[in-house]
Amino acid sequence: MPRIKAGDIHINYIEVGEAGADAILFIPGLIGLSKMWEFQFPHFSKRYRCISFDHRGSGESDKAEDDYTTARIAVDALAVLDHLGVERAHVVGASTGGCILQNLSLDYPDRVGLAVFTNTWTAADEYMTRLQLARRRILEAYGQEAYIEVSSIWTGGPTMFRNDLEKMLDLEKRQKETIADTGILLARIDMTLEHDRLDEIPNIGKKALIVAARDDSLTPPYYAEDLNRMIKGSRLHLLEYGGHNSYRRNPEGWNSAVDEFFKENEAKP
């Protein structure tokens, strides 16, 4: 996969589809791997230029010792778009990627077309704080591989284990092959707890789709309902199942909902 210079590090990215087509930037969650979108690229690249990247500290991107914030990764995302000559893209953000999309929508609104927030949250409340601190303690006590495997229980969920185990194990293998050291992983968990644009979210002026799954135990649907209330004119779509990685566990339902949103809103002023 190609790499670009973003500040003092290099970022790994992927693009699929026609260069002249409208672009969609897919931002992964805390796992940070562009591979997370393997169920979306074949579908959306038929009509769009699909772009994603490995977060700093993940995958094949450089693993800087510091500067892990959702705001910093938003700037990295813009560096990828700049390198590819994309002035404006529809942006999809999953989980932590949804927090990064908050930053892009608020701080760089001219770069964002339509916005899709999926399985994400507003700011860390007591539930999110306890969950992320539990993951932090597992990492500190048992190491990186245990952290990856336990995290899959929350992010993949039971039906991923049951129905798509090979895909999930392949994703874990990719994580283990490119895993950062414990200090970087801790910093990346901490950035999810430190992200807070809660008071500003009503200022997001984008046509937005908010997707959640009823069985998501990591980011329960009430976060999506909050976002829906706070972003004027946004649409809420609740999938009956899909868990936290709904776009991987229920790609047909997820892709269909996003397709419909794009088709209905691209032609509108």
Protein backbone atom coordinates (compact mmCIF):
# COMPACT_ATOMS: atom_id res chain seq x y z
CA MET A 1 0.00 0.00 0.00
CA PRO A 2 1.23 3.54 -0.77
CA ARG A 3 2.34 5.98 1.93
CA ILE A 4 2.36 9.76 2.23
CA LYS A 5 4.19 12.21 4.47
CA ALA A 6 1.92 13.81 7.08
CA GLY A 7 3.87 16.19 9.25
CA ASP A 8 6.71 14.21 10.78
CA ILE A 9 5.35 10.72 10.01
CA HIS A 10 4.21 8.59 7.08
CA ILE A 11 0.61 7.46 6.71
CA ASN A 12 -0.41 4.28 4.89
CA TYR A 13 -3.49 4.65 2.67
CA ILE A 14 -5.60 2.77 0.15
CA GLU A 15 -7.83 3.93 -2.70
CA VAL A 16 -10.10 1.92 -4.97
CA GLY A 17 -12.35 3.15 -7.79
CA GLU A 18 -12.20 5.68 -10.59
CA ALA A 19 -10.02 8.70 -9.87
CA GLY A 20 -12.61 11.07 -11.35
CA ALA A 21 -15.53 9.78 -9.30
CA ASP A 22 -16.88 11.43 -6.17
CA ALA A 23 -14.77 10.41 -3.20
CA ILE A 24 -15.72 8.70 0.05
CA LEU A 25 -13.22 8.80 2.89
CA PHE A 26 -13.71 5.86 5.28
CA ILE A 27 -12.18 6.46 8.72
CA PRO A 28 -11.66 3.36 10.87
CA GLY A 29 -12.18 3.17 14.60
CA LEU A 30 -9.71 2.50 17.39
CA ILE A 31 -8.29 -0.59 15.64
CA GLY A 32 -7.11 1.98 13.12
CA LEU A 33 -6.82 -0.33 10.10
CA SER A 34 -8.09 0.55 6.62
CA LYS A 35 -8.76 -3.19 6.29
CA MET A 36 -11.83 -2.68 8.47
CA TRP A 37 -13.68 -1.48 5.35
CA GLU A 38 -13.13 -4.61 3.24
CA PHE A 39 -16.90 -5.22 3.18
CA GLN A 40 -17.54 -1.70 1.80
CA PHE A 41 -14.87 -1.09 -0.83
CA PRO A 42 -16.11 -3.68 -3.37
CA HIS A 43 -19.64 -2.31 -3.06
CA PHE A 44 -19.05 1.46 -3.08
CA SER A 45 -16.10 1.52 -5.49
CA LYS A 46 -18.52 0.74 -8.32
CA ARG A 47 -19.69 4.37 -8.14
CA TYR A 48 -17.18 6.16 -5.91
CA ARG A 49 -13.50 6.69 -5.34
CA CYS A 50 -13.08 4.92 -2.00
CA ILE A 51 -10.23 6.05 0.26
CA SER A 52 -9.09 4.92 3.69
CA PHE A 53 -5.92 4.95 5.76
CA ASP A 54 -4.24 3.35 8.73
CA HIS A 55 -4.27 5.70 11.73
CA ARG A 56 -0.94 6.92 13.01
CA GLY A 57 0.14 4.23 15.47
CA SER A 58 -1.72 1.46 13.58
CA GLY A 59 -1.15 -0.87 10.66
CA GLU A 60 1.60 0.19 8.28
CA SER A 61 1.48 3.87 9.29
CA ASP A 62 4.34 5.17 11.40
CA LYS A 63 4.10 4.74 15.15
CA ALA A 64 5.08 8.11 16.58
CA GLU A 65 5.86 8.22 20.28
CA ASP A 66 3.27 10.91 21.02
CA ASP A 67 0.61 13.23 19.55
CA TYR A 68 -2.34 10.84 19.69
CA THR A 69 -5.57 12.80 19.60
CA THR A 70 -8.66 12.64 17.43
CA ALA A 71 -7.84 16.17 16.26
CA ARG A 72 -4.38 15.10 15.09
CA ILE A 73 -5.79 12.15 13.15
CA ALA A 74 -8.32 14.48 11.50
CA VAL A 75 -5.35 16.47 10.17
CA ASP A 76 -3.75 13.23 8.96
CA ALA A 77 -6.98 12.44 7.09
CA LEU A 78 -6.83 15.80 5.34
CA ALA A 79 -3.20 15.13 4.39
CA VAL A 80 -4.33 11.97 2.61
CA LEU A 81 -7.05 13.87 0.74
CA ASP A 82 -4.60 16.64 -0.16
CA HIS A 83 -2.11 14.12 -1.51
CA LEU A 84 -4.81 12.57 -3.70
CA GLY A 85 -6.06 15.95 -4.92
CA VAL A 86 -9.47 15.55 -3.27
CA GLU A 87 -10.88 18.89 -2.20
CA ARG A 88 -14.13 17.55 -0.78
CA ALA A 89 -15.28 14.03 0.11
CA HIS A 90 -18.19 12.31 1.72
CA VAL A 91 -16.83 11.03 5.02
CA VAL A 92 -17.75 7.89 6.94
CA GLY A 93 -16.46 7.51 10.49
CA ALA A 94 -16.85 4.39 12.60
CA SER A 95 -16.53 4.44 16.39
CA THR A 96 -13.40 6.53 17.12
CA GLY A 97 -13.55 7.44 13.43
CA GLY A 98 -16.89 9.09 14.17
CA CYS A 99 -15.17 11.32 16.72
CA ILE A 100 -12.59 12.19 14.08
CA LEU A 101 -15.48 13.02 11.73
CA GLN A 102 -16.88 15.37 14.39
CA ASN A 103 -13.57 17.25 14.22
CA LEU A 104 -13.57 17.37 10.43
CA SER A 105 -17.18 18.56 10.28
CA LEU A 106 -16.61 21.30 12.87
CA ASP A 107 -13.10 22.46 12.00
CA TYR A 108 -12.89 21.83 8.24
CA PRO A 109 -16.52 21.88 7.04
CA ASP A 110 -15.63 22.76 3.45
CA ARG A 111 -13.78 19.45 3.09
CA VAL A 112 -16.77 17.31 4.10
CA GLY A 113 -19.69 16.53 1.80
CA LEU A 114 -22.17 14.12 3.36
CA ALA A 115 -21.35 12.75 6.80
CA VAL A 116 -22.01 9.20 8.03
CA PHE A 117 -21.46 8.50 11.73
CA THR A 118 -21.61 4.79 12.52
CA ASN A 119 -21.43 3.00 15.87
CA THR A 120 -19.90 6.02 17.53
CA TRP A 121 -20.45 8.28 20.53
CA THR A 122 -20.56 11.92 21.53
CA ALA A 123 -18.20 12.17 24.51
CA ALA A 124 -17.13 9.55 27.05
CA ASP A 125 -19.76 9.13 29.75
CA GLU A 126 -19.48 6.80 32.75
CA TYR A 127 -20.30 3.71 30.65
CA MET A 128 -17.71 4.47 27.97
CA THR A 129 -15.13 5.45 30.57
CA ARG A 130 -15.48 2.19 32.48
CA LEU A 131 -15.34 0.14 29.29
CA GLN A 132 -12.22 1.84 27.94
CA LEU A 133 -10.47 1.70 31.30
CA ALA A 134 -11.20 -2.04 31.41
CA ARG A 135 -9.55 -2.45 28.01
CA ARG A 136 -6.62 -0.36 29.25
CA ARG A 137 -6.17 -2.60 32.29
CA ILE A 138 -6.25 -5.75 30.15
CA LEU A 139 -3.54 -4.29 27.94
CA GLU A 140 -1.34 -3.32 30.89
CA ALA A 141 -1.80 -6.63 32.71
CA TYR A 142 -1.77 -9.17 29.87
CA GLY A 143 -0.15 -7.48 26.87
CA GLN A 144 -0.99 -6.60 23.30
CA GLU A 145 -2.23 -9.94 21.97
CA ALA A 146 -4.66 -10.40 24.86
CA TYR A 147 -5.86 -6.83 24.33
CA ILE A 148 -6.59 -7.59 20.66
CA GLU A 149 -8.38 -10.85 21.37
CA VAL A 150 -10.52 -9.50 24.21
CA SER A 151 -11.37 -6.38 22.21
CA SER A 152 -12.72 -8.62 19.43
CA ILE A 153 -15.35 -9.91 21.82
CA TRP A 154 -16.76 -6.38 22.08
CA THR A 155 -16.14 -5.21 18.53
CA GLY A 156 -16.81 -8.42 16.60
CA GLY A 157 -19.57 -9.78 18.78
CA PRO A 158 -20.99 -13.31 18.89
CA THR A 159 -22.38 -13.48 15.36
CA MET A 160 -18.99 -12.48 13.90
CA PHE A 161 -17.44 -15.38 15.81
CA ARG A 162 -20.23 -17.67 14.66
CA ASN A 163 -20.63 -16.65 11.02
CA ASP A 164 -17.43 -14.86 9.94
CA LEU A 165 -14.73 -16.32 12.18
CA GLU A 166 -12.20 -16.58 9.36
CA LYS A 167 -12.57 -12.90 8.49
CA MET A 168 -12.30 -11.91 12.13
CA LEU A 169 -9.20 -14.05 12.74
CA ASP A 170 -7.65 -12.59 9.60
CA LEU A 171 -8.26 -9.10 10.97
CA GLU A 172 -6.72 -10.07 14.32
CA LYS A 173 -3.72 -11.50 12.47
CA ARG A 174 -3.26 -8.18 10.68
CA GLN A 175 -3.47 -6.33 13.99
CA LYS A 176 -0.92 -8.61 15.64
CA GLU A 177 1.50 -8.30 12.71
CA THR A 178 1.47 -4.50 12.87
CA ILE A 179 0.75 -3.86 16.55
CA ALA A 180 2.29 -0.82 18.23
CA ASP A 181 3.98 -1.00 21.59
CA THR A 182 1.95 -0.79 24.77
CA GLY A 183 2.66 2.90 25.36
CA ILE A 184 1.22 3.87 22.00
CA LEU A 185 -1.83 1.65 22.45
CA LEU A 186 -2.48 3.23 25.84
CA ALA A 187 -2.22 6.70 24.31
CA ARG A 188 -4.72 5.71 21.63
CA ILE A 189 -7.19 4.44 24.24
CA ASP A 190 -6.71 7.65 26.20
CA MET A 191 -7.57 9.79 23.18
CA THR A 192 -11.02 8.20 23.10
CA LEU A 193 -11.58 9.31 26.69
CA GLU A 194 -10.22 12.79 26.10
CA HIS A 195 -12.28 13.53 22.97
CA ASP A 196 -15.06 15.99 23.85
CA ARG A 197 -16.80 18.24 21.31
CA LEU A 198 -20.15 17.70 23.02
CA ASP A 199 -21.13 21.36 23.31
CA GLU A 200 -20.20 22.01 19.68
CA ILE A 201 -21.96 19.07 18.01
CA PRO A 202 -25.14 21.16 17.37
CA ASN A 203 -22.94 23.37 15.16
CA ILE A 204 -22.36 20.53 12.69
CA GLY A 205 -24.14 21.76 9.59
CA LYS A 206 -23.81 18.66 7.46
CA LYS A 207 -26.42 16.36 6.03
CA ALA A 208 -25.73 13.43 8.29
CA LEU A 209 -26.71 9.80 8.60
CA ILE A 210 -26.24 8.19 11.99
CA VAL A 211 -26.12 4.39 11.97
CA ALA A 212 -26.27 2.18 15.04
CA ALA A 213 -27.07 -1.44 15.85
CA ARG A 214 -29.51 -2.44 18.54
CA ASP A 215 -27.10 -5.10 19.82
CA ASP A 216 -24.00 -2.89 20.02
CA SER A 217 -22.70 -3.29 23.58
CA LEU A 218 -19.62 -1.09 23.08
CA THR A 219 -21.45 2.01 21.79
CA PRO A 220 -25.11 1.41 22.68
CA PRO A 221 -27.74 3.06 20.45
CA TYR A 222 -28.42 5.85 22.94
CA TYR A 223 -25.24 7.56 21.71
CA ALA A 224 -26.65 7.55 18.16
CA GLU A 225 -29.97 8.87 19.45
CA ASP A 226 -28.09 11.71 21.17
CA LEU A 227 -26.21 12.56 17.97
CA ASN A 228 -29.44 12.49 16.02
CA ARG A 229 -31.04 14.99 18.41
CA MET A 230 -28.00 17.24 18.37
CA ILE A 231 -27.31 17.38 14.61
CA LYS A 232 -30.18 19.29 13.06
CA GLY A 233 -31.86 17.45 10.18
CA SER A 234 -29.81 14.27 10.62
CA ARG A 235 -31.27 10.84 9.96
CA LEU A 236 -31.05 7.93 12.39
CA HIS A 237 -30.92 4.36 11.07
CA LEU A 238 -31.02 1.52 13.62
CA LEU A 239 -29.96 -1.89 12.36
CA GLU A 240 -31.66 -4.81 14.03
CA TYR A 241 -28.31 -6.54 14.43
CA GLY A 242 -24.66 -5.89 13.69
CA GLY A 243 -23.02 -5.17 17.02
CA HIS A 244 -20.24 -2.62 17.22
CA ASN A 245 -18.74 -3.39 13.81
CA SER A 246 -22.14 -3.38 12.14
CA TYR A 247 -20.63 -2.56 8.75
CA ARG A 248 -18.73 -5.86 8.97
CA ARG A 249 -21.32 -8.07 10.69
CA ASN A 250 -24.31 -6.77 8.70
CA PRO A 251 -22.75 -5.31 5.55
CA GLU A 252 -25.85 -5.78 3.40
CA GLY A 253 -28.04 -3.77 5.78
CA TRP A 254 -25.34 -1.19 6.44
CA ASN A 255 -24.37 -0.69 2.79
CA SER A 256 -28.03 -0.41 1.77
CA ALA A 257 -28.75 2.29 4.36
CA VAL A 258 -25.70 4.34 3.36
CA ASP A 259 -26.40 3.88 -0.36
CA GLU A 260 -29.94 5.18 0.09
CA PHE A 261 -28.71 8.19 2.07
CA PHE A 262 -26.13 9.09 -0.57
CA LYS A 263 -28.55 8.73 -3.47
CA GLU A 264 -31.22 10.84 -1.78
CA ASN A 265 -28.90 13.67 -0.76
CA GLU A 266 -26.19 14.00 -3.40
CA ALA A 267 -28.44 15.86 -5.82
CA LYS A 268 -29.86 18.20 -3.19
CA PRO A 269 -28.34 21.63 -2.62
